[in-house]
Amino acid sequence: MKPPFYSYLRRRLGPMPLRRKLQLKAYLIAVVAALVVSAVFAVYRLIALRENDFADAVAITRMLSENATGPIAFQDATATTAVLASLRAKPAVRGAVVDLPDHPNFATFGVPPPLADRLPASVSTRFHGWVLSTTAEIGDEEGRRARLQIVFDLGPELWATLRAVGIAFATALTLALLISHAASERLRRFILGPIESLHATTQKIGVQFDYSHRAPIVSSDELAELTIAFNRMLDRLQAADQALRTTNDSLTSEIAERKRLERALVDASRQAGMAEVATGILHNVGNVLNSVNISLQVMRENLERSQLGNLQRGTDMITAQGAEFARFVADDPKGRLLPSFIVKVAAVLRDEHAAAAEELARLAKNIEHIKEIVAAQQSFAKTVGVAEQVNPREMVDEAEHIAQASAQRHGIEIAHDFSDAPSVLTDRHKVLQILVNFITNAIHAVKPNAPGNRRITLRLASQGEGVVFTIADNGVGIAAENLNRIFTHGFTTRSNGHGFGLHSGALAARQLGGRVAVTSDGPGRGAAFVLELPAQHTPAASSPALETAAAS
């Protein structure tokens, strides 16, 4: 797993132009190189300094011990101190001391080491950080012994060396950055120049779709070969584009002819099933005509009860009075009632007009649906309906509205159980045909029930990206042995049925890319018819004969 810092760098550096990336990498290499060189130089200098100082300190200690041999032999502390005073020429010496076996601090110089820091006889040198202590034994022929210890402080030389290394690092870093900047600019012209030229050419082609642009060749290396290959590819693309445009112009008429031939083939494939199509059309039209007949009956009854005759009598009365109409309205008791009578009749006629307009609207929609049913499967002329984006809730409402008059006449309660469902791309009139068939069958199924116990439930829910319509009833139900045959052509459980509606609904659902299903707990326990539709389906033409065979 890569560390978070690596992911952060990728996010920050990923969108950066190549020129900036190359420059940044050159700077980074320069800094790292300067750091490495300076670190190696510093380590080398410190090691050399330590070794040189160590050798010098040992030599100074040995020389000083030899010079102090005489004074120590004569027990002359003043002369021994004078010998130690020669260490003033060595700035690194912090202090020195000569110890006799019976006389510590016999002679001293500077800041002698405390007794606790005196080196034992077995140790001749010791480093404590950058403080070096060296010792030497001093003896004479008579066996008198003394011990010399000198303390060197190498810290100042250390810091002087580090300052020199720092100056060298800063100088090296500056030079490295300048060199890397010049090198990156040079490399940018040699390497990134051709790449940037290719990028600019691709941008022009991508925006303008003009394949006449060519990338200039600005080098003679592999990038030049890449540019030449890219330009050759553009040559082929330009030639192909020109050929495609020419071919596209000639294909226009061919596509129109192909569509005409396809329509002819579809029409020919549908001829074998025209009898079944006609039967399905009659059945579906019959369902809608039932609602049309009820609307016509309502309009006929409204006309028979119309107040138009009363209005006619009022106008006859006005005509009969002639020039005496003003006196008639002012003095005659009947005349005084005439204006209010006309107002009331006009109000009633307005209500009758609104009711008639509503029924006419229903008739218009039903007739439009009949036209679509006929146009959808017209003899030797049409293939399938046009797919459009429809609202499932509106489809259920429209199907219910078509069958509502019949449901109200038989005292059937229609309940709703709607969930949010997405819009679907489908053939609106085929879906409406299926739903009207289901609702009509449900009405026939609940009619044998006692009044007040006739109920149909319309359900709508989403299923994945599609929708599910369910028409449930509490009617006569379906026997288990008939559930698998209910959508078969010609099968029906009604004495006056033909077995066309549910079968045509199954075929329509198949054309829409969906399916129909039915469930029932048995006779007397109701049934539920289900229509499942995908979210998007463009219906394809198919032969009714083949559909019949597949459904059977």
Protein backbone atom coordinates (compact mmCIF):
# COMPACT_ATOMS: atom_id res chain seq x y z
CA MET A 1 0.00 0.00 0.00
CA LYS A 2 1.41 3.37 -1.03
CA PRO A 3 1.85 5.99 1.76
CA PRO A 4 -0.62 8.92 1.90
CA PHE A 5 2.18 11.37 1.06
CA TYR A 6 2.74 9.59 -2.26
CA SER A 7 -0.97 9.88 -3.09
CA TYR A 8 -0.91 13.56 -2.14
CA LEU A 9 2.06 14.17 -4.49
CA ARG A 10 0.27 12.39 -7.32
CA ARG A 11 -2.84 14.53 -6.84
CA ARG A 12 -0.78 17.73 -6.75
CA LEU A 13 1.66 16.91 -9.54
CA GLY A 14 -0.68 14.94 -11.82
CA PRO A 15 -2.36 17.95 -13.55
CA MET A 16 0.93 19.88 -13.76
CA PRO A 17 2.26 20.51 -17.31
CA LEU A 18 5.22 18.43 -18.48
CA ARG A 19 7.41 21.54 -18.66
CA ARG A 20 6.84 22.27 -14.96
CA LYS A 21 7.32 18.61 -14.01
CA LEU A 22 10.66 18.44 -15.86
CA GLN A 23 11.83 21.66 -14.24
CA LEU A 24 10.75 20.51 -10.78
CA LYS A 25 12.53 17.18 -11.20
CA ALA A 26 15.72 18.94 -12.35
CA TYR A 27 15.62 21.19 -9.27
CA LEU A 28 14.98 18.21 -7.01
CA ILE A 29 17.91 16.28 -8.52
CA ALA A 30 20.15 19.33 -8.05
CA VAL A 31 19.18 19.72 -4.39
CA VAL A 32 19.63 16.01 -3.68
CA ALA A 33 22.99 15.96 -5.45
CA ALA A 34 24.18 19.02 -3.54
CA LEU A 35 23.02 17.48 -0.25
CA VAL A 36 24.75 14.17 -0.98
CA VAL A 37 28.01 15.81 -2.07
CA SER A 38 27.99 18.16 0.93
CA ALA A 39 27.21 15.31 3.32
CA VAL A 40 30.03 13.16 1.90
CA PHE A 41 32.42 16.13 2.03
CA ALA A 42 31.39 16.96 5.61
CA VAL A 43 31.86 13.37 6.76
CA TYR A 44 35.24 13.15 5.05
CA ARG A 45 36.40 16.46 6.54
CA LEU A 46 35.27 15.53 10.05
CA ILE A 47 36.94 12.12 9.90
CA ALA A 48 40.15 13.66 8.53
CA LEU A 49 40.03 16.41 11.16
CA ARG A 50 39.58 13.93 13.95
CA GLU A 51 42.42 11.71 12.72
CA ASN A 52 44.80 14.63 12.16
CA ASP A 53 44.03 16.20 15.52
CA PHE A 54 44.45 12.83 17.18
CA ALA A 55 47.88 12.32 15.59
CA ASP A 56 48.96 15.88 16.46
CA ALA A 57 47.80 15.50 20.06
CA VAL A 58 49.70 12.23 20.53
CA ALA A 59 52.84 13.77 19.00
CA ILE A 60 52.59 16.89 21.18
CA THR A 61 52.09 14.78 24.28
CA ARG A 62 55.09 12.56 23.47
CA MET A 63 57.32 15.58 22.72
CA LEU A 64 56.25 17.43 25.84
CA SER A 65 56.85 14.36 28.01
CA GLU A 66 60.40 14.09 26.69
CA ASN A 67 61.04 17.81 27.36
CA ALA A 68 59.75 17.50 30.92
CA THR A 69 61.93 14.50 31.80
CA GLY A 70 64.87 16.62 33.12
CA PRO A 71 62.87 19.03 35.30
CA ILE A 72 60.93 16.16 36.78
CA ALA A 73 64.14 14.29 37.52
CA PHE A 74 65.29 17.29 39.60
CA GLN A 75 61.83 17.75 41.17
CA ASP A 76 61.79 21.27 39.68
CA ALA A 77 58.11 22.27 39.52
CA THR A 78 58.91 25.72 38.10
CA ALA A 79 60.87 24.31 35.20
CA THR A 80 58.18 21.70 34.56
CA THR A 81 55.54 24.46 34.50
CA ALA A 82 57.67 26.38 32.04
CA VAL A 83 57.79 23.32 29.81
CA LEU A 84 53.98 23.07 29.96
CA ALA A 85 53.71 26.79 29.12
CA SER A 86 54.98 26.00 25.63
CA LEU A 87 51.42 24.70 24.93
CA ARG A 88 50.23 28.31 24.53
CA ALA A 89 51.15 27.97 20.87
CA LYS A 90 48.38 25.33 20.56
CA PRO A 91 44.94 27.05 20.73
CA ALA A 92 43.20 23.69 20.96
CA VAL A 93 44.85 22.86 24.32
CA ARG A 94 42.44 23.50 27.19
CA GLY A 95 44.82 22.45 29.96
CA ALA A 96 47.61 20.12 31.07
CA VAL A 97 48.87 18.59 34.34
CA VAL A 98 51.87 16.60 35.58
CA ASP A 99 51.20 14.26 38.48
CA LEU A 100 53.86 12.63 40.64
CA PRO A 101 52.99 9.46 42.52
CA ASP A 102 53.07 11.34 45.83
CA HIS A 103 52.37 14.82 44.50
CA PRO A 104 49.27 15.36 42.31
CA ASN A 105 49.14 18.61 40.29
CA PHE A 106 52.94 18.89 40.46
CA ALA A 107 52.79 21.26 37.50
CA THR A 108 49.74 22.61 35.60
CA PHE A 109 48.80 24.67 32.56
CA GLY A 110 45.51 26.30 31.64
CA VAL A 111 42.52 24.48 33.12
CA PRO A 112 43.87 21.13 34.27
CA PRO A 113 41.43 18.23 34.30
CA PRO A 114 39.92 17.50 37.71
CA LEU A 115 41.12 14.49 39.59
CA ALA A 116 37.95 12.58 38.66
CA ASP A 117 38.77 13.02 34.94
CA ARG A 118 42.39 11.83 35.19
CA LEU A 119 42.97 8.84 32.91
CA PRO A 120 44.02 5.57 34.53
CA ALA A 121 47.41 4.09 33.77
CA SER A 122 45.90 1.57 31.37
CA VAL A 123 44.35 4.28 29.11
CA SER A 124 46.54 6.53 27.01
CA THR A 125 43.88 8.44 24.99
CA ARG A 126 40.19 9.10 25.30
CA PHE A 127 37.63 11.01 23.20
CA HIS A 128 34.65 12.54 25.02
CA GLY A 129 32.67 14.15 22.24
CA TRP A 130 35.14 16.51 20.63
CA VAL A 131 37.32 16.73 23.79
CA LEU A 132 40.49 14.59 23.52
CA SER A 133 42.56 13.59 26.52
CA THR A 134 46.09 12.14 26.01
CA THR A 135 48.60 10.83 28.59
CA ALA A 136 52.24 9.88 28.66
CA GLU A 137 54.50 8.30 31.30
CA ILE A 138 57.63 10.30 32.31
CA GLY A 139 60.52 8.52 34.02
CA ASP A 140 64.27 8.79 34.64
CA GLU A 141 67.14 6.40 35.16
CA GLU A 142 66.68 6.40 38.92
CA GLY A 143 63.17 5.12 38.55
CA ARG A 144 61.24 8.31 39.39
CA ARG A 145 57.90 8.33 37.56
CA ALA A 146 55.41 11.05 36.63
CA ARG A 147 52.30 11.15 34.44
CA LEU A 148 51.51 13.90 31.94
CA GLN A 149 47.86 14.49 30.76
CA ILE A 150 46.87 17.07 28.18
CA VAL A 151 43.23 18.01 27.33
CA PHE A 152 42.50 19.21 23.76
CA ASP A 153 39.19 20.96 22.92
CA LEU A 154 38.55 20.30 19.20
CA GLY A 155 35.08 21.97 19.18
CA PRO A 156 36.14 25.29 17.58
CA GLU A 157 37.86 23.44 14.75
CA LEU A 158 34.70 21.33 14.33
CA TRP A 159 32.44 24.36 13.98
CA ALA A 160 34.90 26.06 11.67
CA THR A 161 34.86 22.97 9.50
CA LEU A 162 31.04 22.82 9.53
CA ARG A 163 30.82 26.48 8.54
CA ALA A 164 33.16 25.79 5.66
CA VAL A 165 31.03 22.82 4.65
CA GLY A 166 27.86 24.97 4.86
CA ILE A 167 29.39 27.61 2.64
CA ALA A 168 30.47 24.93 0.22
CA PHE A 169 26.95 23.42 0.27
CA ALA A 170 25.29 26.77 -0.43
CA THR A 171 27.73 27.42 -3.25
CA ALA A 172 27.23 23.95 -4.69
CA LEU A 173 23.44 24.20 -4.39
CA THR A 174 23.37 27.57 -6.14
CA LEU A 175 25.54 26.30 -8.95
CA ALA A 176 23.50 23.08 -9.21
CA LEU A 177 20.22 25.02 -9.42
CA LEU A 178 21.57 27.33 -12.07
CA ILE A 179 22.93 24.42 -14.07
CA SER A 180 19.71 22.41 -13.66
CA HIS A 181 17.59 25.39 -14.72
CA ALA A 182 19.70 25.88 -17.83
CA ALA A 183 19.65 22.14 -18.54
CA SER A 184 15.89 21.86 -18.04
CA GLU A 185 15.25 24.78 -20.38
CA ARG A 186 17.53 23.19 -22.94
CA LEU A 187 15.87 19.80 -22.54
CA ARG A 188 12.43 21.43 -22.75
CA ARG A 189 13.26 22.82 -26.16
CA PHE A 190 14.71 19.54 -27.36
CA ILE A 191 12.23 17.10 -25.77
CA LEU A 192 9.06 18.97 -24.84
CA GLY A 193 9.03 21.21 -27.91
CA PRO A 194 7.92 18.42 -30.28
CA ILE A 195 5.50 17.03 -27.68
CA GLU A 196 3.90 20.45 -27.13
CA SER A 197 3.64 20.86 -30.89
CA LEU A 198 1.84 17.50 -31.16
CA HIS A 199 -0.45 18.48 -28.30
CA ALA A 200 -1.37 21.79 -29.93
CA THR A 201 -2.15 20.00 -33.21
CA THR A 202 -4.40 17.44 -31.49
CA GLN A 203 -6.22 20.26 -29.67
CA LYS A 204 -6.97 22.02 -32.97
CA ILE A 205 -8.20 18.80 -34.55
CA GLY A 206 -10.30 17.91 -31.51
CA VAL A 207 -12.01 21.30 -31.40
CA GLN A 208 -12.28 22.16 -35.10
CA PHE A 209 -12.49 18.63 -36.60
CA ASP A 210 -10.20 19.87 -39.34
CA TYR A 211 -7.86 17.07 -40.37
CA SER A 212 -5.80 19.36 -42.61
CA HIS A 213 -3.66 20.50 -39.65
CA ARG A 214 -0.13 19.02 -39.51
CA ALA A 215 2.37 18.95 -36.65
CA PRO A 216 5.68 20.67 -37.51
CA ILE A 217 8.86 18.56 -37.31
CA VAL A 218 11.25 20.35 -34.93
CA SER A 219 13.81 17.61 -34.22
CA SER A 220 15.53 14.67 -35.87
CA ASP A 221 15.24 11.96 -33.21
CA GLU A 222 12.54 9.49 -32.18
CA LEU A 223 10.12 12.39 -31.57
CA ALA A 224 10.59 13.40 -35.18
CA GLU A 225 9.67 9.86 -36.25
CA LEU A 226 6.63 10.04 -33.97
CA THR A 227 5.61 13.37 -35.54
CA ILE A 228 6.03 11.96 -39.06
CA ALA A 229 3.92 8.91 -38.12
CA PHE A 230 1.30 11.22 -36.58
CA ASN A 231 1.13 13.34 -39.74
CA ARG A 232 0.79 10.19 -41.85
CA MET A 233 -2.07 9.11 -39.66
CA LEU A 234 -3.68 12.52 -40.19
CA ASP A 235 -3.25 12.04 -43.95
CA ARG A 236 -5.13 8.76 -43.75
CA LEU A 237 -7.78 10.25 -41.47
CA GLN A 238 -8.28 13.18 -43.84
CA ALA A 239 -8.63 10.85 -46.80
CA ALA A 240 -10.98 8.59 -44.85
CA ASP A 241 -13.02 11.58 -43.67
CA GLN A 242 -13.39 12.86 -47.22
CA ALA A 243 -14.38 9.39 -48.43
CA LEU A 244 -16.85 9.12 -45.55
CA ARG A 245 -18.45 12.43 -46.42
CA THR A 246 -18.79 11.35 -50.05
CA THR A 247 -20.23 8.00 -49.03
CA ASN A 248 -22.58 9.65 -46.53
CA ASP A 249 -24.03 11.84 -49.25
CA SER A 250 -24.70 8.82 -51.45
CA LEU A 251 -26.18 6.80 -48.59
CA THR A 252 -29.04 9.20 -47.93
CA SER A 253 -31.17 7.95 -50.79
CA GLU A 254 -30.14 4.35 -50.10
CA ILE A 255 -31.25 4.62 -46.45
CA ALA A 256 -34.64 5.94 -47.53
CA GLU A 257 -34.99 3.04 -49.97
CA ARG A 258 -33.87 0.57 -47.30
CA LYS A 259 -36.49 1.88 -44.88
CA ARG A 260 -39.15 1.50 -47.53
CA LEU A 261 -38.07 -2.08 -48.16
CA GLU A 262 -38.00 -2.81 -44.42
CA ARG A 263 -41.54 -1.51 -44.05
CA ALA A 264 -42.59 -3.68 -46.97
CA LEU A 265 -40.96 -6.74 -45.37
CA VAL A 266 -42.64 -6.04 -42.04
CA ASP A 267 -45.99 -5.61 -43.73
CA ALA A 268 -45.50 -8.88 -45.59
CA SER A 269 -44.55 -10.72 -42.37
CA ARG A 270 -47.73 -9.52 -40.67
CA GLN A 271 -50.13 -10.77 -43.34
CA ALA A 272 -50.24 -14.31 -41.90
CA GLY A 273 -51.70 -13.06 -38.60
CA MET A 274 -54.22 -10.54 -39.86
CA ALA A 275 -57.23 -12.55 -38.72
CA GLU A 276 -55.99 -12.61 -35.14
CA VAL A 277 -55.03 -8.95 -35.33
CA ALA A 278 -58.52 -8.07 -36.50
CA THR A 279 -60.02 -10.07 -33.63
CA GLY A 280 -57.77 -8.31 -31.13
CA ILE A 281 -58.67 -4.93 -32.59
CA LEU A 282 -62.39 -5.69 -32.31
CA HIS A 283 -61.99 -6.83 -28.73
CA ASN A 284 -59.98 -3.79 -27.65
CA VAL A 285 -62.26 -1.42 -29.53
CA GLY A 286 -65.25 -3.15 -27.90
CA ASN A 287 -63.85 -2.39 -24.44
CA VAL A 288 -63.59 1.29 -25.30
CA LEU A 289 -66.94 1.36 -27.13
CA ASN A 290 -68.60 0.14 -23.93
CA SER A 291 -67.45 3.36 -22.26
CA VAL A 292 -68.52 5.35 -25.39
CA ASN A 293 -72.04 3.83 -25.24
CA ILE A 294 -72.36 4.73 -21.56
CA SER A 295 -71.29 8.31 -22.29
CA LEU A 296 -73.81 8.53 -25.14
CA GLN A 297 -76.56 7.17 -22.87
CA VAL A 298 -75.71 9.77 -20.20
CA MET A 299 -75.82 12.54 -22.82
CA ARG A 300 -79.18 11.24 -24.15
CA GLU A 301 -80.69 11.20 -20.66
CA ASN A 302 -79.36 14.72 -20.00
CA LEU A 303 -80.93 15.95 -23.24
CA GLU A 304 -84.28 14.39 -22.31
CA ARG A 305 -84.22 16.24 -18.98
CA SER A 306 -82.95 19.47 -20.55
CA GLN A 307 -84.52 22.82 -19.62
CA LEU A 308 -84.31 23.97 -23.23
CA GLY A 309 -88.10 23.50 -23.61
CA ASN A 310 -88.82 25.79 -20.65
CA LEU A 311 -86.52 28.39 -22.18
CA GLN A 312 -88.40 28.05 -25.47
CA ARG A 313 -91.73 28.70 -23.67
CA GLY A 314 -90.26 31.83 -22.10
CA THR A 315 -89.07 33.13 -25.45
CA ASP A 316 -92.50 32.39 -27.00
CA MET A 317 -94.08 34.46 -24.24
CA ILE A 318 -91.70 37.34 -25.00
CA THR A 319 -92.47 37.09 -28.73
CA ALA A 320 -96.25 37.07 -28.09
CA GLN A 321 -96.15 40.35 -26.15
CA GLY A 322 -94.47 42.26 -28.97
CA ALA A 323 -94.47 45.98 -28.27
CA GLU A 324 -96.30 45.42 -24.98
CA PHE A 325 -93.35 43.48 -23.51
CA ALA A 326 -92.22 46.35 -21.26
CA ARG A 327 -95.69 46.79 -19.79
CA PHE A 328 -96.05 43.02 -19.47
CA VAL A 329 -92.88 42.74 -17.42
CA ALA A 330 -93.75 45.75 -15.29
CA ASP A 331 -97.45 45.14 -14.55
CA ASP A 332 -98.36 41.52 -15.21
CA PRO A 333 -97.58 39.03 -12.36
CA LYS A 334 -96.35 36.45 -14.84
CA GLY A 335 -94.23 39.07 -16.58
CA ARG A 336 -92.54 40.07 -13.36
CA LEU A 337 -91.50 36.42 -12.84
CA LEU A 338 -90.15 36.06 -16.36
CA PRO A 339 -86.60 37.59 -15.81
CA SER A 340 -85.83 35.42 -12.75
CA PHE A 341 -87.23 32.41 -14.61
CA ILE A 342 -84.86 33.04 -17.55
CA VAL A 343 -81.90 33.46 -15.16
CA LYS A 344 -82.61 30.12 -13.45
CA VAL A 345 -83.07 28.34 -16.77
CA ALA A 346 -79.78 29.84 -18.01
CA ALA A 347 -77.95 28.54 -14.90
CA VAL A 348 -79.35 25.06 -15.43
CA LEU A 349 -78.39 25.17 -19.10
CA ARG A 350 -74.84 26.17 -18.12
CA ASP A 351 -74.58 23.09 -15.90
CA GLU A 352 -76.00 20.95 -18.69
CA HIS A 353 -73.48 22.47 -21.10
CA ALA A 354 -70.56 21.72 -18.70
CA ALA A 355 -71.73 18.13 -18.24
CA ALA A 356 -72.12 17.72 -21.99
CA ALA A 357 -68.63 19.17 -22.56
CA GLU A 358 -67.15 16.73 -20.03
CA GLU A 359 -68.86 13.77 -21.69
CA LEU A 360 -67.76 15.02 -25.10
CA ALA A 361 -64.18 15.20 -23.81
CA ARG A 362 -64.47 11.59 -22.65
CA LEU A 363 -65.88 10.62 -26.01
CA ALA A 364 -63.03 12.40 -27.78
CA LYS A 365 -60.39 10.61 -25.70
CA ASN A 366 -62.07 7.23 -26.17
CA ILE A 367 -62.44 7.79 -29.90
CA GLU A 368 -58.78 8.87 -30.04
CA HIS A 369 -57.85 5.64 -28.24
CA ILE A 370 -59.94 3.64 -30.74
CA LYS A 371 -58.12 5.39 -33.58
CA GLU A 372 -54.75 4.51 -32.03
CA ILE A 373 -55.80 0.86 -31.54
CA VAL A 374 -56.83 0.64 -35.18
CA ALA A 375 -53.84 2.61 -36.44
CA ALA A 376 -51.44 0.47 -34.38
CA GLN A 377 -52.36 -2.70 -36.28
CA GLN A 378 -53.97 -1.37 -39.45
CA SER A 379 -54.26 -3.86 -42.30
CA PHE A 380 -51.03 -4.06 -44.38
CA ALA A 381 -49.99 -0.54 -43.39
CA LYS A 382 -48.59 -0.16 -39.89
CA THR A 383 -45.99 -1.89 -37.74
CA VAL A 384 -45.96 -0.76 -34.09
CA GLY A 385 -46.71 2.35 -32.08
CA VAL A 386 -44.25 5.13 -31.38
CA ALA A 387 -42.28 4.98 -28.16
CA GLU A 388 -42.61 8.02 -25.92
CA GLN A 389 -41.75 8.97 -22.33
CA VAL A 390 -44.89 8.37 -20.26
CA ASN A 391 -45.85 8.79 -16.61
CA PRO A 392 -47.10 5.43 -15.20
CA ARG A 393 -49.49 7.18 -12.80
CA GLU A 394 -51.14 9.05 -15.68
CA MET A 395 -51.53 5.77 -17.59
CA VAL A 396 -53.39 4.14 -14.68
CA ASP A 397 -55.60 7.21 -14.25
CA GLU A 398 -56.48 7.25 -17.96
CA ALA A 399 -57.30 3.52 -18.03
CA GLU A 400 -59.44 3.94 -14.92
CA HIS A 401 -61.24 6.89 -16.51
CA ILE A 402 -62.14 4.80 -19.59
CA ALA A 403 -63.68 2.07 -17.43
CA GLN A 404 -65.05 4.38 -14.73
CA ALA A 405 -68.56 4.70 -16.15
CA SER A 406 -69.04 0.94 -16.22
CA ALA A 407 -67.64 0.62 -12.69
CA GLN A 408 -69.97 3.30 -11.34
CA ARG A 409 -73.01 1.74 -13.02
CA HIS A 410 -72.36 -1.57 -11.22
CA GLY A 411 -71.48 0.03 -7.87
CA ILE A 412 -67.83 -1.06 -7.94
CA GLU A 413 -65.36 0.61 -5.56
CA ILE A 414 -61.95 1.38 -7.08
CA ALA A 415 -59.11 1.81 -4.58
CA HIS A 416 -55.55 2.98 -5.20
CA ASP A 417 -52.20 1.87 -3.83
CA PHE A 418 -49.58 3.95 -5.63
CA SER A 419 -45.85 4.19 -4.89
CA ASP A 420 -43.32 6.44 -6.59
CA ALA A 421 -42.48 5.00 -9.99
CA PRO A 422 -40.13 6.35 -12.69
CA SER A 423 -41.29 7.38 -16.12
CA VAL A 424 -40.79 4.79 -18.86
CA LEU A 425 -40.08 4.96 -22.60
CA THR A 426 -42.75 2.81 -24.21
CA ASP A 427 -45.81 2.68 -26.51
CA ARG A 428 -48.46 4.58 -24.58
CA HIS A 429 -51.49 3.12 -26.37
CA LYS A 430 -50.34 -0.50 -26.03
CA VAL A 431 -49.92 -0.02 -22.28
CA LEU A 432 -53.36 1.61 -22.13
CA GLN A 433 -54.83 -1.33 -24.11
CA ILE A 434 -53.40 -3.84 -21.59
CA LEU A 435 -54.57 -1.90 -18.52
CA VAL A 436 -58.09 -1.38 -19.91
CA ASN A 437 -58.33 -5.14 -20.62
CA PHE A 438 -57.24 -5.94 -17.06
CA ILE A 439 -59.69 -3.46 -15.49
CA THR A 440 -62.55 -4.66 -17.74
CA ASN A 441 -61.90 -8.28 -16.75
CA ALA A 442 -61.82 -7.22 -13.08
CA ILE A 443 -65.22 -5.50 -13.48
CA HIS A 444 -66.71 -8.71 -14.95
CA ALA A 445 -65.11 -10.71 -12.10
CA VAL A 446 -66.64 -8.65 -9.26
CA LYS A 447 -70.14 -8.17 -10.75
CA PRO A 448 -71.44 -11.48 -9.28
CA ASN A 449 -70.59 -10.25 -5.75
CA ALA A 450 -73.26 -8.68 -3.59
CA PRO A 451 -73.61 -4.87 -3.83
CA GLY A 452 -71.17 -3.19 -1.44
CA ASN A 453 -68.68 -6.06 -1.81
CA ARG A 454 -67.36 -5.22 -5.25
CA ARG A 455 -63.82 -3.91 -5.00
CA ILE A 456 -60.93 -3.36 -7.44
CA THR A 457 -57.48 -2.17 -6.31
CA LEU A 458 -55.09 -0.45 -8.72
CA ARG A 459 -51.46 -0.72 -7.62
CA LEU A 460 -48.33 0.93 -9.03
CA ALA A 461 -44.75 0.35 -7.86
CA SER A 462 -41.18 0.53 -9.14
CA GLN A 463 -39.14 -2.59 -9.87
CA GLY A 464 -35.46 -1.92 -10.46
CA GLU A 465 -35.49 0.76 -13.16
CA GLY A 466 -38.89 -0.37 -14.47
CA VAL A 467 -42.48 -0.32 -13.19
CA VAL A 468 -45.12 -2.87 -12.15
CA PHE A 469 -48.87 -2.36 -12.65
CA THR A 470 -51.22 -4.61 -10.63
CA ILE A 471 -55.01 -4.85 -11.06
CA ALA A 472 -56.42 -6.84 -8.12
CA ASP A 473 -60.07 -7.73 -7.44
CA ASN A 474 -62.15 -9.65 -4.89
CA GLY A 475 -64.20 -11.38 -7.58
CA VAL A 476 -64.84 -14.95 -8.69
CA GLY A 477 -61.14 -15.91 -8.77
CA ILE A 478 -59.40 -18.42 -11.04
CA ALA A 479 -58.97 -22.15 -10.57
CA ALA A 480 -55.40 -23.39 -10.25
CA GLU A 481 -55.62 -25.50 -13.41
CA ASN A 482 -56.57 -22.40 -15.44
CA LEU A 483 -53.75 -20.07 -14.26
CA ASN A 484 -51.31 -21.34 -16.92
CA ARG A 485 -53.93 -21.06 -19.68
CA ILE A 486 -55.43 -17.69 -18.89
CA PHE A 487 -53.38 -15.83 -21.56
CA THR A 488 -53.79 -18.52 -24.25
CA HIS A 489 -55.55 -17.49 -27.46
CA GLY A 490 -59.26 -18.38 -27.33
CA PHE A 491 -59.32 -19.42 -23.66
CA THR A 492 -61.96 -17.76 -21.44
CA THR A 493 -63.87 -18.57 -18.26
CA ARG A 494 -66.88 -16.38 -19.16
CA SER A 495 -69.83 -17.83 -21.02
CA ASN A 496 -69.98 -14.88 -23.40
CA GLY A 497 -66.20 -14.32 -23.63
CA HIS A 498 -63.95 -14.89 -26.63
CA GLY A 499 -60.48 -15.26 -25.08
CA PHE A 500 -59.01 -12.44 -27.16
CA GLY A 501 -58.36 -9.59 -24.67
CA LEU A 502 -55.85 -11.20 -22.29
CA HIS A 503 -54.07 -12.94 -25.14
CA SER A 504 -53.66 -9.68 -27.09
CA GLY A 505 -52.47 -8.02 -23.86
CA ALA A 506 -49.79 -10.71 -23.46
CA LEU A 507 -48.65 -10.15 -27.05
CA ALA A 508 -48.55 -6.37 -26.55
CA ALA A 509 -46.52 -6.77 -23.34
CA ARG A 510 -44.05 -9.00 -25.19
CA GLN A 511 -43.66 -6.34 -27.91
CA LEU A 512 -42.94 -3.75 -25.22
CA GLY A 513 -40.18 -5.90 -23.71
CA GLY A 514 -42.28 -6.66 -20.61
CA ARG A 515 -44.41 -9.51 -19.36
CA VAL A 516 -47.84 -10.21 -17.87
CA ALA A 517 -48.71 -12.56 -15.02
CA VAL A 518 -51.73 -13.59 -12.93
CA THR A 519 -52.15 -14.88 -9.38
CA SER A 520 -55.23 -16.22 -7.60
CA ASP A 521 -55.88 -18.18 -4.41
CA GLY A 522 -58.69 -20.07 -6.12
CA PRO A 523 -62.39 -19.69 -7.01
CA GLY A 524 -64.21 -17.02 -5.02
CA ARG A 525 -60.98 -15.51 -3.65
CA GLY A 526 -60.22 -12.88 -6.28
CA ALA A 527 -57.32 -12.50 -8.69
CA ALA A 528 -54.48 -10.09 -9.47
CA PHE A 529 -53.20 -9.35 -12.99
CA VAL A 530 -49.67 -7.92 -13.26
CA LEU A 531 -47.95 -5.98 -16.05
CA GLU A 532 -44.17 -5.49 -15.76
CA LEU A 533 -42.44 -2.96 -18.04
CA PRO A 534 -38.75 -2.06 -18.43
CA ALA A 535 -37.59 1.53 -18.02
CA GLN A 536 -36.72 1.90 -21.70
CA HIS A 537 -37.80 -0.19 -24.66
CA THR A 538 -38.37 0.74 -28.27
CA PRO A 539 -40.91 -1.78 -29.57
CA ALA A 540 -39.82 -3.81 -32.57
CA ALA A 541 -42.12 -5.00 -35.31
CA SER A 542 -43.00 -8.68 -35.23
CA SER A 543 -45.25 -11.06 -37.00
CA PRO A 544 -48.62 -11.68 -35.31
CA ALA A 545 -48.47 -15.30 -36.38
CA LEU A 546 -45.13 -15.77 -34.69
CA GLU A 547 -46.34 -13.94 -31.59
CA THR A 548 -49.36 -16.21 -31.41
CA ALA A 549 -47.20 -19.30 -31.66
CA ALA A 550 -44.83 -17.99 -28.99
CA ALA A 551 -47.65 -17.08 -26.62
CA SER A 552 -49.35 -20.42 -27.09
